[in-house]
Amino acid sequence: MHEMSLALEILSICERELGGLPETQVTAVGVEVGAFSGVDADSLQFCLEAVMSGQFDGVRCEVVRQPGEAACPRCDRAFKVMRAPFECPECGSLARGFSGGQGLQLCYLEVE
């Protein structure tokens, strides 16, 4: 399960960002996971909560799935997609591909 290694790396980033400030506490962390990144958002949420709570009491972890975008070849409408097949909601045609939704990004850290 590579989500655990991703969670451990996010923990490492948090620790680096604190820069050894002993009185600073991470209270929340936010991560965006692309729908086509190959990362299971629910598993990452579980792993992130496990590793972060071991280091930071009461930390809130938010993992948000981000869609990709496809374009309809028939009506030229752009639309958000979370999984294949990429069917246009307007006319029902199938898109030939998609863009976006492939990233993983640490969006924010809240500290006190």
PDB file of N, CA and C in Angstrom:
ATOM      1  N   MET A   1       0.843  -1.164   0.000  1.00  0.00           N
ATOM      2  CA  MET A   1       0.000   0.000   0.000  1.00  0.00           C
ATOM      3  C   MET A   1       0.900   1.243   0.000  1.00  0.00           C
ATOM      4  N   HIS A   2       0.988   1.921  -1.126  1.00  0.00           N
ATOM      5  CA  HIS A   2       1.874   3.082  -1.221  1.00  0.00           C
ATOM      6  C   HIS A   2       1.287   4.321  -0.553  1.00  0.00           C
ATOM      7  N   GLU A   3       0.016   4.293  -0.168  1.00  0.00           N
ATOM      8  CA  GLU A   3      -0.584   5.424   0.528  1.00  0.00           C
ATOM      9  C   GLU A   3       0.112   5.669   1.873  1.00  0.00           C
ATOM     10  N   MET A   4       0.578   4.601   2.521  1.00  0.00           N
ATOM     11  CA  MET A   4       1.294   4.771   3.795  1.00  0.00           C
ATOM     12  C   MET A   4       2.598   5.518   3.567  1.00  0.00           C
ATOM     13  N   SER A   5       3.329   5.182   2.517  1.00  0.00           N
ATOM     14  CA  SER A   5       4.578   5.899   2.258  1.00  0.00           C
ATOM     15  C   SER A   5       4.300   7.354   1.892  1.00  0.00           C
ATOM     16  N   LEU A   6       3.198   7.628   1.218  1.00  0.00           N
ATOM     17  CA  LEU A   6       2.831   9.017   0.921  1.00  0.00           C
ATOM     18  C   LEU A   6       2.494   9.767   2.212  1.00  0.00           C
ATOM     19  N   ALA A   7       1.759   9.121   3.103  1.00  0.00           N
ATOM     20  CA  ALA A   7       1.418   9.744   4.386  1.00  0.00           C
ATOM     21  C   ALA A   7       2.672  10.033   5.206  1.00  0.00           C
ATOM     22  N   LEU A   8       3.617   9.107   5.195  1.00  0.00           N
ATOM     23  CA  LEU A   8       4.873   9.317   5.926  1.00  0.00           C
ATOM     24  C   LEU A   8       5.662  10.480   5.334  1.00  0.00           C
ATOM     25  N   GLU A   9       5.630  10.620   4.028  1.00  0.00           N
ATOM     26  CA  GLU A   9       6.330  11.741   3.387  1.00  0.00           C
ATOM     27  C   GLU A   9       5.647  13.066   3.725  1.00  0.00           C
ATOM     28  N   ILE A  10       4.328  13.073   3.786  1.00  0.00           N
ATOM     29  CA  ILE A  10       3.605  14.287   4.179  1.00  0.00           C
ATOM     30  C   ILE A  10       3.958  14.659   5.618  1.00  0.00           C
ATOM     31  N   LEU A  11       4.039  13.672   6.498  1.00  0.00           N
ATOM     32  CA  LEU A  11       4.478  13.914   7.876  1.00  0.00           C
ATOM     33  C   LEU A  11       5.882  14.525   7.887  1.00  0.00           C
ATOM     34  N   SER A  12       6.769  13.980   7.076  1.00  0.00           N
ATOM     35  CA  SER A  12       8.135  14.488   6.997  1.00  0.00           C
ATOM     36  C   SER A  12       8.158  15.948   6.528  1.00  0.00           C
ATOM     37  N   ILE A  13       7.327  16.274   5.569  1.00  0.00           N
ATOM     38  CA  ILE A  13       7.234  17.660   5.085  1.00  0.00           C
ATOM     39  C   ILE A  13       6.762  18.574   6.212  1.00  0.00           C
ATOM     40  N   CYS A  14       5.755  18.129   6.955  1.00  0.00           N
ATOM     41  CA  CYS A  14       5.251  18.918   8.090  1.00  0.00           C
ATOM     42  C   CYS A  14       6.353  19.177   9.099  1.00  0.00           C
ATOM     43  N   GLU A  15       7.098  18.136   9.440  1.00  0.00           N
ATOM     44  CA  GLU A  15       8.194  18.287  10.411  1.00  0.00           C
ATOM     45  C   GLU A  15       9.261  19.239   9.898  1.00  0.00           C
ATOM     46  N   ARG A  16       9.596  19.158   8.607  1.00  0.00           N
ATOM     47  CA  ARG A  16      10.584  20.079   8.023  1.00  0.00           C
ATOM     48  C   ARG A  16      10.079  21.514   8.049  1.00  0.00           C
ATOM     49  N   GLU A  17       8.804  21.702   7.740  1.00  0.00           N
ATOM     50  CA  GLU A  17       8.243  23.049   7.709  1.00  0.00           C
ATOM     51  C   GLU A  17       8.220  23.702   9.093  1.00  0.00           C
ATOM     52  N   LEU A  18       8.071  22.888  10.116  1.00  0.00           N
ATOM     53  CA  LEU A  18       8.093  23.444  11.472  1.00  0.00           C
ATOM     54  C   LEU A  18       9.490  23.913  11.852  1.00  0.00           C
ATOM     55  N   GLY A  19      10.494  23.367  11.199  1.00  0.00           N
ATOM     56  CA  GLY A  19      11.861  23.821  11.402  1.00  0.00           C
ATOM     57  C   GLY A  19      12.385  23.683  12.818  1.00  0.00           C
ATOM     58  N   GLY A  20      11.959  22.670  13.514  1.00  0.00           N
ATOM     59  CA  GLY A  20      12.463  22.439  14.859  1.00  0.00           C
ATOM     60  C   GLY A  20      11.916  23.377  15.908  1.00  0.00           C
ATOM     61  N   LEU A  21      10.789  24.027  15.626  1.00  0.00           N
ATOM     62  CA  LEU A  21      10.172  24.904  16.616  1.00  0.00           C
ATOM     63  C   LEU A  21       9.374  24.041  17.590  1.00  0.00           C
ATOM     64  N   PRO A  22       9.876  23.830  18.790  1.00  0.00           N
ATOM     65  CA  PRO A  22       9.267  22.864  19.707  1.00  0.00           C
ATOM     66  C   PRO A  22       7.873  23.236  20.181  1.00  0.00           C
ATOM     67  N   GLU A  23       7.530  24.516  20.216  1.00  0.00           N
ATOM     68  CA  GLU A  23       6.212  24.921  20.702  1.00  0.00           C
ATOM     69  C   GLU A  23       5.171  25.000  19.604  1.00  0.00           C
ATOM     70  N   THR A  24       5.526  24.687  18.371  1.00  0.00           N
ATOM     71  CA  THR A  24       4.595  24.771  17.255  1.00  0.00           C
ATOM     72  C   THR A  24       3.913  23.426  17.062  1.00  0.00           C
ATOM     73  N   GLN A  25       2.603  23.475  16.839  1.00  0.00           N
ATOM     74  CA  GLN A  25       1.797  22.276  16.681  1.00  0.00           C
ATOM     75  C   GLN A  25       1.031  22.357  15.354  1.00  0.00           C
ATOM     76  N   VAL A  26       1.058  21.304  14.553  1.00  0.00           N
ATOM     77  CA  VAL A  26       0.235  21.225  13.358  1.00  0.00           C
ATOM     78  C   VAL A  26      -1.170  20.865  13.814  1.00  0.00           C
ATOM     79  N   THR A  27      -2.157  21.671  13.425  1.00  0.00           N
ATOM     80  CA  THR A  27      -3.545  21.418  13.810  1.00  0.00           C
ATOM     81  C   THR A  27      -4.376  20.853  12.658  1.00  0.00           C
ATOM     82  N   ALA A  28      -3.938  21.113  11.413  1.00  0.00           N
ATOM     83  CA  ALA A  28      -4.678  20.595  10.262  1.00  0.00           C
ATOM     84  C   ALA A  28      -3.749  20.491   9.062  1.00  0.00           C
ATOM     85  N   VAL A  29      -4.054  19.534   8.206  1.00  0.00           N
ATOM     86  CA  VAL A  29      -3.309  19.350   6.963  1.00  0.00           C
ATOM     87  C   VAL A  29      -4.317  19.030   5.869  1.00  0.00           C
ATOM     88  N   GLY A  30      -4.112  19.628   4.691  1.00  0.00           N
ATOM     89  CA  GLY A  30      -5.011  19.408   3.566  1.00  0.00           C
ATOM     90  C   GLY A  30      -4.256  18.896   2.352  1.00  0.00           C
ATOM     91  N   VAL A  31      -4.802  17.882   1.721  1.00  0.00           N
ATOM     92  CA  VAL A  31      -4.168  17.243   0.560  1.00  0.00           C
ATOM     93  C   VAL A  31      -5.202  17.103  -0.552  1.00  0.00           C
ATOM     94  N   GLU A  32      -4.794  17.388  -1.776  1.00  0.00           N
ATOM     95  CA  GLU A  32      -5.627  17.149  -2.953  1.00  0.00           C
ATOM     96  C   GLU A  32      -5.076  15.943  -3.698  1.00  0.00           C
ATOM     97  N   VAL A  33      -5.973  15.015  -4.057  1.00  0.00           N
ATOM     98  CA  VAL A  33      -5.607  13.792  -4.764  1.00  0.00           C
ATOM     99  C   VAL A  33      -6.371  13.761  -6.076  1.00  0.00           C
ATOM    100  N   GLY A  34      -5.655  13.693  -7.172  1.00  0.00           N
ATOM    101  CA  GLY A  34      -6.305  13.608  -8.470  1.00  0.00           C
ATOM    102  C   GLY A  34      -7.025  12.276  -8.647  1.00  0.00           C
ATOM    103  N   ALA A  35      -8.168  12.332  -9.306  1.00  0.00           N
ATOM    104  CA  ALA A  35      -8.984  11.133  -9.521  1.00  0.00           C
ATOM    105  C   ALA A  35      -8.237  10.062 -10.312  1.00  0.00           C
ATOM    106  N   PHE A  36      -7.240  10.462 -11.098  1.00  0.00           N
ATOM    107  CA  PHE A  36      -6.488   9.522 -11.921  1.00  0.00           C
ATOM    108  C   PHE A  36      -5.026   9.421 -11.504  1.00  0.00           C
ATOM    109  N   SER A  37      -4.747   9.742 -10.247  1.00  0.00           N
ATOM    110  CA  SER A  37      -3.374   9.732  -9.736  1.00  0.00           C
ATOM    111  C   SER A  37      -2.892   8.343  -9.346  1.00  0.00           C
ATOM    112  N   GLY A  38      -3.808   7.402  -9.215  1.00  0.00           N
ATOM    113  CA  GLY A  38      -3.428   6.069  -8.761  1.00  0.00           C
ATOM    114  C   GLY A  38      -3.371   5.972  -7.246  1.00  0.00           C
ATOM    115  N   VAL A  39      -3.818   7.018  -6.559  1.00  0.00           N
ATOM    116  CA  VAL A  39      -3.840   7.044  -5.099  1.00  0.00           C
ATOM    117  C   VAL A  39      -5.282   6.873  -4.646  1.00  0.00           C
ATOM    118  N   ASP A  40      -5.504   5.941  -3.733  1.00  0.00           N
ATOM    119  CA  ASP A  40      -6.831   5.747  -3.160  1.00  0.00           C
ATOM    120  C   ASP A  40      -7.017   6.796  -2.059  1.00  0.00           C
ATOM    121  N   ALA A  41      -7.928   7.726  -2.277  1.00  0.00           N
ATOM    122  CA  ALA A  41      -8.115   8.843  -1.349  1.00  0.00           C
ATOM    123  C   ALA A  41      -8.527   8.366   0.041  1.00  0.00           C
ATOM    124  N   ASP A  42      -9.380   7.349   0.123  1.00  0.00           N
ATOM    125  CA  ASP A  42      -9.817   6.843   1.429  1.00  0.00           C
ATOM    126  C   ASP A  42      -8.664   6.198   2.193  1.00  0.00           C
ATOM    127  N   SER A  43      -7.834   5.436   1.479  1.00  0.00           N
ATOM    128  CA  SER A  43      -6.667   4.816   2.122  1.00  0.00           C
ATOM    129  C   SER A  43      -5.674   5.870   2.575  1.00  0.00           C
ATOM    130  N   LEU A  44      -5.463   6.886   1.745  1.00  0.00           N
ATOM    131  CA  LEU A  44      -4.553   7.960   2.138  1.00  0.00           C
ATOM    132  C   LEU A  44      -5.096   8.688   3.364  1.00  0.00           C
ATOM    133  N   GLN A  45      -6.396   8.929   3.413  1.00  0.00           N
ATOM    134  CA  GLN A  45      -7.006   9.580   4.572  1.00  0.00           C
ATOM    135  C   GLN A  45      -6.727   8.772   5.840  1.00  0.00           C
ATOM    136  N   PHE A  46      -6.944   7.465   5.773  1.00  0.00           N
ATOM    137  CA  PHE A  46      -6.716   6.591   6.921  1.00  0.00           C
ATOM    138  C   PHE A  46      -5.250   6.622   7.360  1.00  0.00           C
ATOM    139  N   CYS A  47      -4.348   6.449   6.399  1.00  0.00           N
ATOM    140  CA  CYS A  47      -2.911   6.431   6.714  1.00  0.00           C
ATOM    141  C   CYS A  47      -2.440   7.782   7.240  1.00  0.00           C
ATOM    142  N   LEU A  48      -2.916   8.852   6.638  1.00  0.00           N
ATOM    143  CA  LEU A  48      -2.522  10.193   7.068  1.00  0.00           C
ATOM    144  C   LEU A  48      -2.972  10.463   8.499  1.00  0.00           C
ATOM    145  N   GLU A  49      -4.199  10.078   8.821  1.00  0.00           N
ATOM    146  CA  GLU A  49      -4.678  10.262  10.191  1.00  0.00           C
ATOM    147  C   GLU A  49      -3.850   9.446  11.179  1.00  0.00           C
ATOM    148  N   ALA A  50      -3.464   8.239  10.782  1.00  0.00           N
ATOM    149  CA  ALA A  50      -2.678   7.379  11.672  1.00  0.00           C
ATOM    150  C   ALA A  50      -1.299   7.965  11.943  1.00  0.00           C
ATOM    151  N   VAL A  51      -0.580   8.367  10.909  1.00  0.00           N
ATOM    152  CA  VAL A  51       0.789   8.853  11.122  1.00  0.00           C
ATOM    153  C   VAL A  51       0.816  10.264  11.717  1.00  0.00           C
ATOM    154  N   MET A  52      -0.134  11.112  11.329  1.00  0.00           N
ATOM    155  CA  MET A  52      -0.144  12.478  11.847  1.00  0.00           C
ATOM    156  C   MET A  52      -0.549  12.510  13.314  1.00  0.00           C
ATOM    157  N   SER A  53      -1.514  11.670  13.710  1.00  0.00           N
ATOM    158  CA  SER A  53      -1.964  11.690  15.104  1.00  0.00           C
ATOM    159  C   SER A  53      -0.893  11.141  16.041  1.00  0.00           C
ATOM    160  N   GLY A  54       0.012  10.326  15.518  1.00  0.00           N
ATOM    161  CA  GLY A  54       1.114   9.838  16.332  1.00  0.00           C
ATOM    162  C   GLY A  54       2.106  10.936  16.675  1.00  0.00           C
ATOM    163  N   GLN A  55       2.161  11.965  15.854  1.00  0.00           N
ATOM    164  CA  GLN A  55       3.111  13.066  16.059  1.00  0.00           C
ATOM    165  C   GLN A  55       2.438  14.338  16.573  1.00  0.00           C
ATOM    166  N   PHE A  56       1.205  14.588  16.126  1.00  0.00           N
ATOM    167  CA  PHE A  56       0.505  15.833  16.445  1.00  0.00           C
ATOM    168  C   PHE A  56      -0.886  15.503  16.993  1.00  0.00           C
ATOM    169  N   ASP A  57      -1.089  15.721  18.289  1.00  0.00           N
ATOM    170  CA  ASP A  57      -2.382  15.432  18.922  1.00  0.00           C
ATOM    171  C   ASP A  57      -3.494  16.291  18.326  1.00  0.00           C
ATOM    172  N   GLY A  58      -4.624  15.658  18.018  1.00  0.00           N
ATOM    173  CA  GLY A  58      -5.813  16.379  17.575  1.00  0.00           C
ATOM    174  C   GLY A  58      -5.736  16.959  16.178  1.00  0.00           C
ATOM    175  N   VAL A  59      -4.756  16.553  15.378  1.00  0.00           N
ATOM    176  CA  VAL A  59      -4.632  17.095  14.028  1.00  0.00           C
ATOM    177  C   VAL A  59      -5.829  16.663  13.171  1.00  0.00           C
ATOM    178  N   ARG A  60      -6.297  17.581  12.339  1.00  0.00           N
ATOM    179  CA  ARG A  60      -7.394  17.309  11.411  1.00  0.00           C
ATOM    180  C   ARG A  60      -6.796  17.111  10.023  1.00  0.00           C
ATOM    181  N   CYS A  61      -7.146  15.999   9.384  1.00  0.00           N
ATOM    182  CA  CYS A  61      -6.618  15.678   8.061  1.00  0.00           C
ATOM    183  C   CYS A  61      -7.750  15.722   7.044  1.00  0.00           C
ATOM    184  N   GLU A  62      -7.537  16.468   5.968  1.00  0.00           N
ATOM    185  CA  GLU A  62      -8.540  16.582   4.913  1.00  0.00           C
ATOM    186  C   GLU A  62      -7.924  16.139   3.589  1.00  0.00           C
ATOM    187  N   VAL A  63      -8.520  15.118   2.998  1.00  0.00           N
ATOM    188  CA  VAL A  63      -8.086  14.633   1.687  1.00  0.00           C
ATOM    189  C   VAL A  63      -9.248  14.841   0.723  1.00  0.00           C
ATOM    190  N   VAL A  64      -9.003  15.613  -0.337  1.00  0.00           N
ATOM    191  CA  VAL A  64     -10.040  15.962  -1.301  1.00  0.00           C
ATOM    192  C   VAL A  64      -9.663  15.410  -2.669  1.00  0.00           C
ATOM    193  N   ARG A  65     -10.611  14.722  -3.316  1.00  0.00           N
ATOM    194  CA  ARG A  65     -10.381  14.217  -4.674  1.00  0.00           C
ATOM    195  C   ARG A  65     -10.651  15.319  -5.689  1.00  0.00           C
ATOM    196  N   GLN A  66      -9.736  15.454  -6.637  1.00  0.00           N
ATOM    197  CA  GLN A  66      -9.866  16.443  -7.699  1.00  0.00           C
ATOM    198  C   GLN A  66     -10.154  15.737  -9.021  1.00  0.00           C
ATOM    199  N   PRO A  67     -11.153  16.194  -9.753  1.00  0.00           N
ATOM    200  CA  PRO A  67     -11.487  15.536 -11.019  1.00  0.00           C
ATOM    201  C   PRO A  67     -10.532  15.929 -12.142  1.00  0.00           C
ATOM    202  N   GLY A  68     -10.597  15.159 -13.198  1.00  0.00           N
ATOM    203  CA  GLY A  68      -9.945  15.541 -14.445  1.00  0.00           C
ATOM    204  C   GLY A  68     -10.962  16.281 -15.289  1.00  0.00           C
ATOM    205  N   GLU A  69     -10.573  16.614 -16.508  1.00  0.00           N
ATOM    206  CA  GLU A  69     -11.487  17.292 -17.419  1.00  0.00           C
ATOM    207  C   GLU A  69     -11.399  16.649 -18.788  1.00  0.00           C
ATOM    208  N   ALA A  70     -12.544  16.430 -19.391  1.00  0.00           N
ATOM    209  CA  ALA A  70     -12.615  15.868 -20.737  1.00  0.00           C
ATOM    210  C   ALA A  70     -13.398  16.841 -21.617  1.00  0.00           C
ATOM    211  N   ALA A  71     -13.256  16.684 -22.930  1.00  0.00           N
ATOM    212  CA  ALA A  71     -14.003  17.521 -23.865  1.00  0.00           C
ATOM    213  C   ALA A  71     -14.738  16.619 -24.846  1.00  0.00           C
ATOM    214  N   CYS A  72     -15.965  16.998 -25.123  1.00  0.00           N
ATOM    215  CA  CYS A  72     -16.804  16.224 -26.030  1.00  0.00           C
ATOM    216  C   CYS A  72     -16.409  16.520 -27.471  1.00  0.00           C
ATOM    217  N   PRO A  73     -16.152  15.487 -28.288  1.00  0.00           N
ATOM    218  CA  PRO A  73     -15.792  15.720 -29.679  1.00  0.00           C
ATOM    219  C   PRO A  73     -16.989  16.164 -30.528  1.00  0.00           C
ATOM    220  N   ARG A  74     -18.199  15.890 -30.056  1.00  0.00           N
ATOM    221  CA  ARG A  74     -19.392  16.235 -30.835  1.00  0.00           C
ATOM    222  C   ARG A  74     -19.874  17.654 -30.539  1.00  0.00           C
ATOM    223  N   CYS A  75     -20.099  17.969 -29.271  1.00  0.00           N
ATOM    224  CA  CYS A  75     -20.666  19.288 -28.945  1.00  0.00           C
ATOM    225  C   CYS A  75     -19.630  20.262 -28.390  1.00  0.00           C
ATOM    226  N   ASP A  76     -18.391  19.815 -28.267  1.00  0.00           N
ATOM    227  CA  ASP A  76     -17.267  20.648 -27.829  1.00  0.00           C
ATOM    228  C   ASP A  76     -17.436  21.197 -26.413  1.00  0.00           C
ATOM    229  N   ARG A  77     -18.193  20.497 -25.599  1.00  0.00           N
ATOM    230  CA  ARG A  77     -18.414  20.898 -24.207  1.00  0.00           C
ATOM    231  C   ARG A  77     -17.333  20.282 -23.324  1.00  0.00           C
ATOM    232  N   ALA A  78     -16.751  21.071 -22.416  1.00  0.00           N
ATOM    233  CA  ALA A  78     -15.795  20.543 -21.440  1.00  0.00           C
ATOM    234  C   ALA A  78     -16.578  20.124 -20.199  1.00  0.00           C
ATOM    235  N   PHE A  79     -16.151  19.008 -19.585  1.00  0.00           N
ATOM    236  CA  PHE A  79     -16.845  18.523 -18.399  1.00  0.00           C
ATOM    237  C   PHE A  79     -15.875  17.804 -17.477  1.00  0.00           C
ATOM    238  N   LYS A  80     -16.209  17.799 -16.185  1.00  0.00           N
ATOM    239  CA  LYS A  80     -15.385  17.154 -15.161  1.00  0.00           C
ATOM    240  C   LYS A  80     -15.618  15.649 -15.187  1.00  0.00           C
ATOM    241  N   VAL A  81     -14.530  14.884 -14.945  1.00  0.00           N
ATOM    242  CA  VAL A  81     -14.633  13.422 -14.915  1.00  0.00           C
ATOM    243  C   VAL A  81     -13.893  12.883 -13.694  1.00  0.00           C
ATOM    244  N   MET A  82     -14.494  11.880 -13.072  1.00  0.00           N
ATOM    245  CA  MET A  82     -13.884  11.230 -11.924  1.00  0.00           C
ATOM    246  C   MET A  82     -13.490   9.795 -12.243  1.00  0.00           C
ATOM    247  N   ARG A  83     -14.093   9.233 -13.293  1.00  0.00           N
ATOM    248  CA  ARG A  83     -13.764   7.859 -13.697  1.00  0.00           C
ATOM    249  C   ARG A  83     -14.222   7.642 -15.137  1.00  0.00           C
ATOM    250  N   ALA A  84     -13.645   6.642 -15.758  1.00  0.00           N
ATOM    251  CA  ALA A  84     -14.019   6.284 -17.134  1.00  0.00           C
ATOM    252  C   ALA A  84     -15.304   5.453 -17.089  1.00  0.00           C
ATOM    253  N   PRO A  85     -16.085   5.420 -18.153  1.00  0.00           N
ATOM    254  CA  PRO A  85     -15.913   6.108 -19.436  1.00  0.00           C
ATOM    255  C   PRO A  85     -16.278   7.587 -19.315  1.00  0.00           C
ATOM    256  N   PHE A  86     -15.701   8.385 -20.169  1.00  0.00           N
ATOM    257  CA  PHE A  86     -15.884   9.831 -20.143  1.00  0.00           C
ATOM    258  C   PHE A  86     -17.031  10.199 -21.070  1.00  0.00           C
ATOM    259  N   GLU A  87     -18.233  10.096 -20.563  1.00  0.00           N
ATOM    260  CA  GLU A  87     -19.430  10.344 -21.354  1.00  0.00           C
ATOM    261  C   GLU A  87     -19.905  11.779 -21.143  1.00  0.00           C
ATOM    262  N   CYS A  88     -20.134  12.482 -22.238  1.00  0.00           N
ATOM    263  CA  CYS A  88     -20.593  13.863 -22.176  1.00  0.00           C
ATOM    264  C   CYS A  88     -21.978  13.912 -21.530  1.00  0.00           C
ATOM    265  N   PRO A  89     -22.149  14.728 -20.505  1.00  0.00           N
ATOM    266  CA  PRO A  89     -23.454  14.825 -19.858  1.00  0.00           C
ATOM    267  C   PRO A  89     -24.493  15.540 -20.721  1.00  0.00           C
ATOM    268  N   GLU A  90     -24.030  16.247 -21.743  1.00  0.00           N
ATOM    269  CA  GLU A  90     -24.940  17.001 -22.616  1.00  0.00           C
ATOM    270  C   GLU A  90     -25.510  16.136 -23.734  1.00  0.00           C
ATOM    271  N   CYS A  91     -24.628  15.428 -24.465  1.00  0.00           N
ATOM    272  CA  CYS A  91     -25.095  14.686 -25.645  1.00  0.00           C
ATOM    273  C   CYS A  91     -24.847  13.187 -25.563  1.00  0.00           C
ATOM    274  N   GLY A  92     -24.098  12.735 -24.571  1.00  0.00           N
ATOM    275  CA  GLY A  92     -23.863  11.305 -24.401  1.00  0.00           C
ATOM    276  C   GLY A  92     -22.695  10.740 -25.186  1.00  0.00           C
ATOM    277  N   SER A  93     -22.011  11.562 -25.972  1.00  0.00           N
ATOM    278  CA  SER A  93     -20.849  11.088 -26.732  1.00  0.00           C
ATOM    279  C   SER A  93     -19.694  10.775 -25.797  1.00  0.00           C
ATOM    280  N   LEU A  94     -18.826   9.882 -26.227  1.00  0.00           N
ATOM    281  CA  LEU A  94     -17.652   9.539 -25.429  1.00  0.00           C
ATOM    282  C   LEU A  94     -16.471  10.415 -25.817  1.00  0.00           C
ATOM    283  N   ALA A  95     -15.825  10.979 -24.810  1.00  0.00           N
ATOM    284  CA  ALA A  95     -14.610  11.760 -25.038  1.00  0.00           C
ATOM    285  C   ALA A  95     -13.465  10.798 -25.305  1.00  0.00           C
ATOM    286  N   ARG A  96     -12.468  11.253 -26.007  1.00  0.00           N
ATOM    287  CA  ARG A  96     -11.329  10.396 -26.356  1.00  0.00           C
ATOM    288  C   ARG A  96     -10.208  10.449 -25.338  1.00  0.00           C
ATOM    289  N   GLY A  97     -10.230  11.362 -24.439  1.00  0.00           N
ATOM    290  CA  GLY A  97      -9.160  11.494 -23.459  1.00  0.00           C
ATOM    291  C   GLY A  97      -9.540  12.501 -22.392  1.00  0.00           C
ATOM    292  N   PHE A  98      -8.605  12.784 -21.529  1.00  0.00           N
ATOM    293  CA  PHE A  98      -8.853  13.721 -20.439  1.00  0.00           C
ATOM    294  C   PHE A  98      -7.552  14.432 -20.107  1.00  0.00           C
ATOM    295  N   SER A  99      -7.671  15.480 -19.332  1.00  0.00           N
ATOM    296  CA  SER A  99      -6.492  16.169 -18.815  1.00  0.00           C
ATOM    297  C   SER A  99      -6.717  16.439 -17.341  1.00  0.00           C
ATOM    298  N   GLY A 100      -5.625  16.606 -16.610  1.00  0.00           N
ATOM    299  CA  GLY A 100      -5.711  16.892 -15.189  1.00  0.00           C
ATOM    300  C   GLY A 100      -6.117  15.681 -14.367  1.00  0.00           C
ATOM    301  N   GLY A 101      -6.278  15.902 -13.085  1.00  0.00           N
ATOM    302  CA  GLY A 101      -6.697  14.851 -12.180  1.00  0.00           C
ATOM    303  C   GLY A 101      -5.638  13.798 -11.917  1.00  0.00           C
ATOM    304  N   GLN A 102      -4.372  14.117 -12.180  1.00  0.00           N
ATOM    305  CA  GLN A 102      -3.304  13.138 -12.021  1.00  0.00           C
ATOM    306  C   GLN A 102      -2.327  13.496 -10.906  1.00  0.00           C
ATOM    307  N   GLY A 103      -2.576  14.597 -10.233  1.00  0.00           N
ATOM    308  CA  GLY A 103      -1.615  15.082  -9.250  1.00  0.00           C
ATOM    309  C   GLY A 103      -1.918  14.674  -7.820  1.00  0.00           C
ATOM    310  N   LEU A 104      -0.965  14.964  -6.984  1.00  0.00           N
ATOM    311  CA  LEU A 104      -1.083  14.816  -5.536  1.00  0.00           C
ATOM    312  C   LEU A 104      -0.379  16.028  -4.957  1.00  0.00           C
ATOM    313  N   GLN A 105      -1.109  16.807  -4.149  1.00  0.00           N
ATOM    314  CA  GLN A 105      -0.542  18.059  -3.672  1.00  0.00           C
ATOM    315  C   GLN A 105      -0.896  18.300  -2.214  1.00  0.00           C
ATOM    316  N   LEU A 106       0.112  18.658  -1.437  1.00  0.00           N
ATOM    317  CA  LEU A 106      -0.106  19.118  -0.074  1.00  0.00           C
ATOM    318  C   LEU A 106      -0.522  20.579  -0.207  1.00  0.00           C
ATOM    319  N   CYS A 107      -1.764  20.896   0.138  1.00  0.00           N
ATOM    320  CA  CYS A 107      -2.309  22.231  -0.106  1.00  0.00           C
ATOM    321  C   CYS A 107      -2.102  23.201   1.042  1.00  0.00           C
ATOM    322  N   TYR A 108      -2.249  22.693   2.261  1.00  0.00           N
ATOM    323  CA  TYR A 108      -2.095  23.612   3.387  1.00  0.00           C
ATOM    324  C   TYR A 108      -1.713  22.871   4.660  1.00  0.00           C
ATOM    325  N   LEU A 109      -1.076  23.638   5.535  1.00  0.00           N
ATOM    326  CA  LEU A 109      -0.789  23.228   6.912  1.00  0.00           C
ATOM    327  C   LEU A 109      -1.319  24.336   7.802  1.00  0.00           C
ATOM    328  N   GLU A 110      -2.065  23.959   8.814  1.00  0.00           N
ATOM    329  CA  GLU A 110      -2.473  24.937   9.821  1.00  0.00           C
ATOM    330  C   GLU A 110      -1.664  24.640  11.074  1.00  0.00           C
ATOM    331  N   VAL A 111      -1.090  25.664  11.640  1.00  0.00           N
ATOM    332  CA  VAL A 111      -0.261  25.496  12.834  1.00  0.00           C
ATOM    333  C   VAL A 111      -0.674  26.503  13.901  1.00  0.00           C
ATOM    334  N   GLU A 112      -0.316  26.180  15.135  1.00  0.00           N
ATOM    335  CA  GLU A 112      -0.516  27.153  16.218  1.00  0.00           C
ATOM    336  C   GLU A 112       0.662  27.097  17.148  1.00  0.00           C
TER     337      GLU A 112
END
